[in-house]
Amino acid sequence: MGAKSKVKRREKGEVRLELPPSFEAELSGFLAWVQLEKGLAKNTVQSYENDLIQCAQHLHSQGVSGWQAVELVNLSKWLASMSEDEYAVASLARKLSAVRMLAKYLVGEGIMTEDFTELLPNPKKRRRLPDCLTIEEMERFLSAPDLTRPLGKRDRALFELMYGSGLRVSEICMLPMTSVDCEEGYARVYGKGSKERIVPVGKHAATAIRNYLHGGRPQLVKEGTGGELFLSIRGKAISRKMVWVLVKDYARKAGIEKNLSPHGLRHSFATHLLMGGADIRAVQEMLGHADIGTTQVYTQVEVERLLDEHANFHPMAQKSD
């Protein structure tokens, strides 16, 4: 495979890139090495070639004479230019991986004495949370089930507990009746890694669960029904897929345009608690997060919301200099 080949297609658009001659010799040796010595697949080698030609083209435009003249600032500008073009973080990481492997090859071959990628940080993928409902939207959603029907009682209790206690969909599907104590206001939940945690059961959820246990669940029991709290129409434990379908269906009935999912109820639980001033450590414990950093994502969401509110409504924020 020759390093002079052109990039057939960029991930964005149809731009063709030529390899600057001053970058050719080292790249040709590298491509032969990864294919013959490392045994990488043809498609992988082709991807490396495309990414490195693109990198070389941008370096050349900065006045860099060849791979041996590359500095950290040059690569930073290259990555920044692609970020501005709205490349996916995964694409940026892949391109940077190709450059890192090339640098290690050049150092290993004695062509360079230092790895010019050593201090270059990996692109950070911003965690995107599922859509979070406002409190008003949540009230509409929770009111959507028809409480005159057994399935409506089940669905109301299901959603009240998921939102009120921040449960994962897998946790609520397998939750035994015996794990919920409506009188004391708590439930024992087995989360990831079979770790047990205690979660609060609020008054609204407790009332909905009692109504379901007296006027909903008995109608769903069939021969062979187990001890799970929430049952399907066939008398089996409700499935994760069915919960997804129910959440989507009731969100539509409630006139909610956001892309709500079962996980979105859990995110709404955490966000609303923090909005109300709850301690982040308490929220971490209720969610069953092993790492506080996972929970801190919600604080960032709330900070961004407050900044947006300030920018949109504060008179001085809208005033130009």
Protein backbone atom coordinates (compact mmCIF):
# COMPACT_ATOMS: atom_id res chain seq x y z
CA MET A 1 0.00 0.00 0.00
CA GLY A 2 1.58 3.25 -1.10
CA ALA A 3 1.57 6.27 1.13
CA LYS A 4 1.00 8.45 -1.93
CA SER A 5 -2.55 7.20 -2.29
CA LYS A 6 -5.24 9.79 -1.81
CA VAL A 7 -7.84 9.85 0.90
CA LYS A 8 -10.88 8.57 -0.95
CA ARG A 9 -13.41 10.17 1.36
CA ARG A 10 -13.34 12.24 4.49
CA GLU A 11 -15.90 11.54 7.16
CA LYS A 12 -17.37 14.96 6.40
CA GLY A 13 -17.65 15.81 2.72
CA GLU A 14 -15.72 14.74 -0.35
CA VAL A 15 -12.41 16.60 0.21
CA ARG A 16 -9.40 14.81 -1.24
CA LEU A 17 -6.02 15.17 0.48
CA GLU A 18 -2.57 14.71 -1.03
CA LEU A 19 0.36 13.59 1.13
CA PRO A 20 3.06 16.29 1.29
CA PRO A 21 6.32 14.74 -0.07
CA SER A 22 8.33 15.67 3.03
CA PHE A 23 6.13 13.35 5.14
CA GLU A 24 6.21 10.43 2.69
CA ALA A 25 9.27 8.35 3.63
CA GLU A 26 8.44 7.89 7.32
CA LEU A 27 4.77 7.21 6.62
CA SER A 28 5.58 4.58 4.00
CA GLY A 29 7.84 2.78 6.46
CA PHE A 30 5.22 2.97 9.19
CA LEU A 31 2.44 1.57 6.99
CA ALA A 32 4.66 -1.33 5.94
CA TRP A 33 5.52 -1.97 9.60
CA VAL A 34 1.93 -2.07 10.88
CA GLN A 35 0.88 -4.31 8.02
CA LEU A 36 3.81 -6.73 7.92
CA GLU A 37 5.23 -6.65 11.46
CA LYS A 38 2.11 -5.89 13.50
CA GLY A 39 -0.20 -7.89 11.24
CA LEU A 40 -2.99 -5.31 11.28
CA ALA A 41 -5.96 -5.84 8.99
CA LYS A 42 -5.99 -4.15 5.61
CA ASN A 43 -8.92 -1.91 6.52
CA THR A 44 -7.18 -0.79 9.73
CA VAL A 45 -4.01 0.06 7.83
CA GLN A 46 -6.07 2.00 5.31
CA SER A 47 -7.73 3.96 8.11
CA TYR A 48 -4.32 4.77 9.61
CA GLU A 49 -3.09 5.93 6.23
CA ASN A 50 -6.12 8.18 5.67
CA ASP A 51 -5.88 9.73 9.14
CA LEU A 52 -2.13 10.31 8.92
CA ILE A 53 -2.36 11.86 5.46
CA GLN A 54 -5.00 14.22 6.80
CA CYS A 55 -2.76 15.06 9.77
CA ALA A 56 0.29 15.59 7.53
CA GLN A 57 -1.71 17.88 5.26
CA HIS A 58 -2.72 20.08 8.19
CA LEU A 59 0.81 20.09 9.64
CA HIS A 60 2.19 21.08 6.24
CA SER A 61 -0.28 23.99 6.11
CA GLN A 62 1.19 25.18 9.43
CA GLY A 63 4.66 25.25 7.88
CA VAL A 64 5.89 22.01 9.49
CA SER A 65 8.57 20.49 7.24
CA GLY A 66 8.12 16.83 8.23
CA TRP A 67 7.30 14.41 11.07
CA GLN A 68 10.60 15.13 12.81
CA ALA A 69 9.69 18.82 13.08
CA VAL A 70 6.27 18.26 14.67
CA GLU A 71 5.67 19.96 18.02
CA LEU A 72 2.87 19.58 20.55
CA VAL A 73 1.29 22.89 19.54
CA ASN A 74 1.01 21.69 15.92
CA LEU A 75 -0.98 18.62 16.90
CA SER A 76 -3.14 20.66 19.26
CA LYS A 77 -4.07 22.98 16.38
CA TRP A 78 -4.86 19.98 14.19
CA LEU A 79 -7.21 18.50 16.79
CA ALA A 80 -8.80 21.90 17.41
CA SER A 81 -9.47 22.35 13.70
CA MET A 82 -11.32 19.03 13.59
CA SER A 83 -13.30 19.85 16.71
CA GLU A 84 -14.48 23.02 14.99
CA ASP A 85 -15.59 20.84 12.07
CA GLU A 86 -17.73 18.91 14.59
CA TYR A 87 -16.04 15.54 14.26
CA ALA A 88 -17.33 12.95 16.69
CA VAL A 89 -15.12 12.44 19.73
CA ALA A 90 -14.71 8.77 18.77
CA SER A 91 -13.36 9.85 15.37
CA LEU A 92 -10.92 12.28 16.97
CA ALA A 93 -9.71 9.56 19.35
CA ARG A 94 -9.15 7.17 16.46
CA LYS A 95 -7.17 9.73 14.47
CA LEU A 96 -5.05 10.59 17.49
CA SER A 97 -4.43 6.88 18.11
CA ALA A 98 -2.94 6.59 14.61
CA VAL A 99 -0.63 9.55 15.26
CA ARG A 100 0.44 8.12 18.63
CA MET A 101 1.34 4.79 17.02
CA LEU A 102 3.32 6.57 14.30
CA ALA A 103 5.25 8.57 16.92
CA LYS A 104 6.13 5.40 18.85
CA TYR A 105 7.32 3.80 15.61
CA LEU A 106 9.53 6.77 14.77
CA VAL A 107 11.09 6.76 18.24
CA GLY A 108 11.58 2.98 18.12
CA GLU A 109 13.31 3.23 14.76
CA GLY A 110 15.62 5.96 16.04
CA ILE A 111 14.22 8.49 13.58
CA MET A 112 13.14 10.69 16.47
CA THR A 113 14.38 10.95 20.03
CA GLU A 114 11.14 12.15 21.65
CA ASP A 115 7.48 11.20 21.29
CA PHE A 116 5.68 14.37 20.15
CA THR A 117 2.33 12.96 21.32
CA GLU A 118 3.41 12.18 24.90
CA LEU A 119 1.86 15.28 26.48
CA LEU A 120 -1.17 15.44 24.19
CA PRO A 121 -4.41 14.68 26.10
CA ASN A 122 -7.05 12.40 24.64
CA PRO A 123 -10.24 14.07 23.43
CA LYS A 124 -12.82 14.03 26.20
CA LYS A 125 -16.24 12.71 25.43
CA ARG A 126 -18.87 14.78 27.10
CA ARG A 127 -21.39 12.58 28.80
CA ARG A 128 -24.82 13.28 27.43
CA LEU A 129 -27.59 12.53 29.84
CA PRO A 130 -31.00 11.33 28.69
CA ASP A 131 -33.66 14.01 28.59
CA CYS A 132 -34.73 15.14 32.05
CA LEU A 133 -38.32 16.18 32.64
CA THR A 134 -39.33 19.37 34.38
CA ILE A 135 -41.37 18.94 37.54
CA GLU A 136 -44.51 20.00 35.65
CA GLU A 137 -43.82 17.48 32.90
CA MET A 138 -43.22 14.78 35.49
CA GLU A 139 -46.57 15.50 37.11
CA ARG A 140 -48.31 15.15 33.75
CA PHE A 141 -46.47 11.93 33.03
CA LEU A 142 -47.31 10.36 36.39
CA SER A 143 -50.97 11.32 35.96
CA ALA A 144 -51.27 9.68 32.53
CA PRO A 145 -52.15 6.06 33.61
CA ASP A 146 -55.86 5.23 33.88
CA LEU A 147 -56.40 4.30 37.54
CA THR A 148 -59.73 2.62 36.78
CA ARG A 149 -57.86 -0.27 35.16
CA PRO A 150 -55.55 -2.83 36.83
CA LEU A 151 -52.79 -2.12 34.32
CA GLY A 152 -53.19 1.60 34.93
CA LYS A 153 -52.72 1.03 38.67
CA ARG A 154 -49.63 -1.03 37.92
CA ASP A 155 -48.13 1.56 35.62
CA ARG A 156 -48.77 4.43 38.04
CA ALA A 157 -47.08 2.50 40.87
CA LEU A 158 -44.22 1.51 38.56
CA PHE A 159 -43.49 5.09 37.49
CA GLU A 160 -43.97 6.58 40.95
CA LEU A 161 -41.41 4.15 42.37
CA MET A 162 -38.93 4.56 39.52
CA TYR A 163 -39.02 8.34 39.77
CA GLY A 164 -39.51 8.56 43.53
CA SER A 165 -36.64 6.21 44.36
CA GLY A 166 -34.33 6.58 41.34
CA LEU A 167 -34.39 2.89 40.43
CA ARG A 168 -32.78 1.39 37.35
CA VAL A 169 -35.15 -0.41 35.01
CA SER A 170 -33.39 -3.73 35.72
CA GLU A 171 -33.85 -3.19 39.46
CA ILE A 172 -37.56 -2.48 39.30
CA CYS A 173 -38.33 -5.39 36.95
CA MET A 174 -36.95 -7.93 39.44
CA LEU A 175 -38.03 -6.15 42.64
CA PRO A 176 -39.75 -8.60 45.03
CA MET A 177 -42.90 -7.54 46.88
CA THR A 178 -41.16 -8.36 50.15
CA SER A 179 -38.45 -5.77 49.47
CA VAL A 180 -40.86 -2.84 49.67
CA ASP A 181 -42.10 -1.56 53.04
CA CYS A 182 -44.71 1.11 52.36
CA GLU A 183 -45.41 1.63 56.05
CA GLU A 184 -41.79 2.41 56.92
CA GLY A 185 -41.18 4.17 53.61
CA TYR A 186 -38.21 2.31 52.17
CA ALA A 187 -37.24 -0.54 49.83
CA ARG A 188 -34.28 -2.89 49.68
CA VAL A 189 -32.82 -2.95 46.19
CA TYR A 190 -30.14 -5.14 44.67
CA GLY A 191 -28.25 -3.14 42.09
CA LYS A 192 -25.13 -3.66 40.00
CA GLY A 193 -22.85 -6.37 41.35
CA SER A 194 -25.70 -7.60 43.56
CA LYS A 195 -24.97 -4.76 45.98
CA GLU A 196 -27.83 -4.07 48.35
CA ARG A 197 -28.91 -0.52 49.10
CA ILE A 198 -31.82 1.09 50.89
CA VAL A 199 -33.87 3.62 48.95
CA PRO A 200 -36.70 5.83 50.22
CA VAL A 201 -40.28 5.20 49.13
CA GLY A 202 -42.20 8.48 49.22
CA LYS A 203 -45.83 8.93 50.16
CA HIS A 204 -47.07 9.19 46.57
CA ALA A 205 -45.23 6.01 45.58
CA ALA A 206 -46.43 4.19 48.70
CA THR A 207 -50.05 5.12 47.97
CA ALA A 208 -49.75 4.05 44.34
CA ILE A 209 -48.16 0.72 45.35
CA ARG A 210 -50.93 0.00 47.88
CA ASN A 211 -53.60 0.72 45.25
CA TYR A 212 -51.84 -1.59 42.83
CA LEU A 213 -51.44 -4.39 45.39
CA HIS A 214 -55.13 -4.26 46.28
CA GLY A 215 -56.75 -3.44 42.97
CA GLY A 216 -54.24 -4.30 40.26
CA ARG A 217 -51.77 -7.06 40.95
CA PRO A 218 -54.36 -9.67 42.06
CA GLN A 219 -55.96 -9.45 38.60
CA LEU A 220 -52.60 -10.11 36.94
CA VAL A 221 -51.64 -13.18 38.99
CA LYS A 222 -51.60 -16.45 37.06
CA GLU A 223 -50.58 -19.99 37.89
CA GLY A 224 -46.82 -19.99 38.35
CA THR A 225 -46.58 -16.27 39.16
CA GLY A 226 -43.56 -15.47 41.31
CA GLY A 227 -42.99 -12.91 44.00
CA GLU A 228 -41.99 -9.99 41.79
CA LEU A 229 -43.88 -6.80 42.53
CA PHE A 230 -44.63 -5.72 38.98
CA LEU A 231 -46.29 -8.26 36.69
CA SER A 232 -47.05 -8.43 32.99
CA ILE A 233 -50.48 -9.31 31.67
CA ARG A 234 -49.27 -12.93 31.49
CA GLY A 235 -48.52 -13.00 35.21
CA LYS A 236 -44.72 -12.94 34.75
CA ALA A 237 -42.27 -10.33 35.97
CA ILE A 238 -42.56 -7.28 33.75
CA SER A 239 -39.72 -7.09 31.23
CA ARG A 240 -37.30 -4.25 30.61
CA LYS A 241 -38.56 -4.00 27.03
CA MET A 242 -42.13 -3.57 28.23
CA VAL A 243 -41.10 -0.81 30.64
CA TRP A 244 -39.43 1.00 27.73
CA VAL A 245 -42.62 0.69 25.68
CA LEU A 246 -44.77 1.93 28.56
CA VAL A 247 -42.57 4.97 29.24
CA LYS A 248 -42.64 5.98 25.58
CA ASP A 249 -46.40 5.41 25.32
CA TYR A 250 -47.33 7.41 28.43
CA ALA A 251 -44.91 10.22 27.54
CA ARG A 252 -46.76 10.56 24.26
CA LYS A 253 -50.14 10.51 26.00
CA ALA A 254 -48.92 13.23 28.38
CA GLY A 255 -47.91 15.43 25.46
CA ILE A 256 -44.20 15.25 26.31
CA GLU A 257 -42.04 15.83 23.24
CA LYS A 258 -38.73 14.93 24.90
CA ASN A 259 -37.17 11.57 24.13
CA LEU A 260 -38.02 10.07 27.51
CA SER A 261 -36.67 6.66 28.55
CA PRO A 262 -36.77 4.64 31.79
CA HIS A 263 -33.29 5.95 32.54
CA GLY A 264 -34.68 9.45 32.07
CA LEU A 265 -36.92 8.92 35.10
CA ARG A 266 -33.83 8.06 37.15
CA HIS A 267 -32.02 11.15 35.85
CA SER A 268 -35.04 13.30 36.67
CA PHE A 269 -35.00 11.88 40.20
CA ALA A 270 -31.37 12.90 40.74
CA THR A 271 -31.64 16.27 39.03
CA HIS A 272 -34.77 17.29 40.93
CA LEU A 273 -33.18 16.30 44.24
CA LEU A 274 -30.10 18.41 43.58
CA MET A 275 -32.25 21.31 42.37
CA GLY A 276 -34.00 21.14 45.74
CA GLY A 277 -30.71 21.32 47.64
CA ALA A 278 -30.07 17.63 48.43
CA ASP A 279 -26.55 16.63 49.45
CA ILE A 280 -24.69 15.02 46.57
CA ARG A 281 -23.38 12.22 48.79
CA ALA A 282 -26.94 11.29 49.75
CA VAL A 283 -27.95 11.28 46.08
CA GLN A 284 -24.94 9.09 45.28
CA GLU A 285 -26.01 6.60 47.91
CA MET A 286 -29.62 6.52 46.71
CA LEU A 287 -28.54 6.00 43.11
CA GLY A 288 -26.09 3.27 44.07
CA HIS A 289 -23.13 4.95 42.36
CA ALA A 290 -19.78 3.54 43.42
CA ASP A 291 -17.96 6.68 42.24
CA ILE A 292 -19.00 10.18 43.30
CA GLY A 293 -17.79 11.41 39.92
CA THR A 294 -20.71 9.63 38.26
CA THR A 295 -23.16 11.56 40.43
CA GLN A 296 -21.36 14.89 39.90
CA VAL A 297 -22.50 14.88 36.27
CA TYR A 298 -25.90 15.99 37.56
CA THR A 299 -24.44 19.02 39.29
CA GLN A 300 -22.94 20.10 35.97
CA VAL A 301 -26.34 19.76 34.33
CA GLU A 302 -27.84 22.01 37.00
CA VAL A 303 -25.02 24.56 36.64
CA GLU A 304 -25.59 24.70 32.88
CA ARG A 305 -29.33 25.17 33.42
CA LEU A 306 -28.71 28.07 35.79
CA LEU A 307 -26.26 29.69 33.37
CA ASP A 308 -28.80 29.40 30.56
CA GLU A 309 -31.49 30.95 32.75
CA HIS A 310 -29.16 33.82 33.66
CA ALA A 311 -28.15 34.42 30.05
CA ASN A 312 -31.77 34.42 28.87
CA PHE A 313 -33.44 36.49 31.56
CA HIS A 314 -30.99 38.64 33.51
CA PRO A 315 -31.09 42.21 32.11
CA MET A 316 -27.35 42.78 32.52
CA ALA A 317 -26.51 39.47 30.80
CA GLN A 318 -28.34 40.68 27.70
CA LYS A 319 -26.72 44.11 27.69
CA SER A 320 -23.93 44.53 25.16
CA ASP A 321 -20.70 46.38 26.02
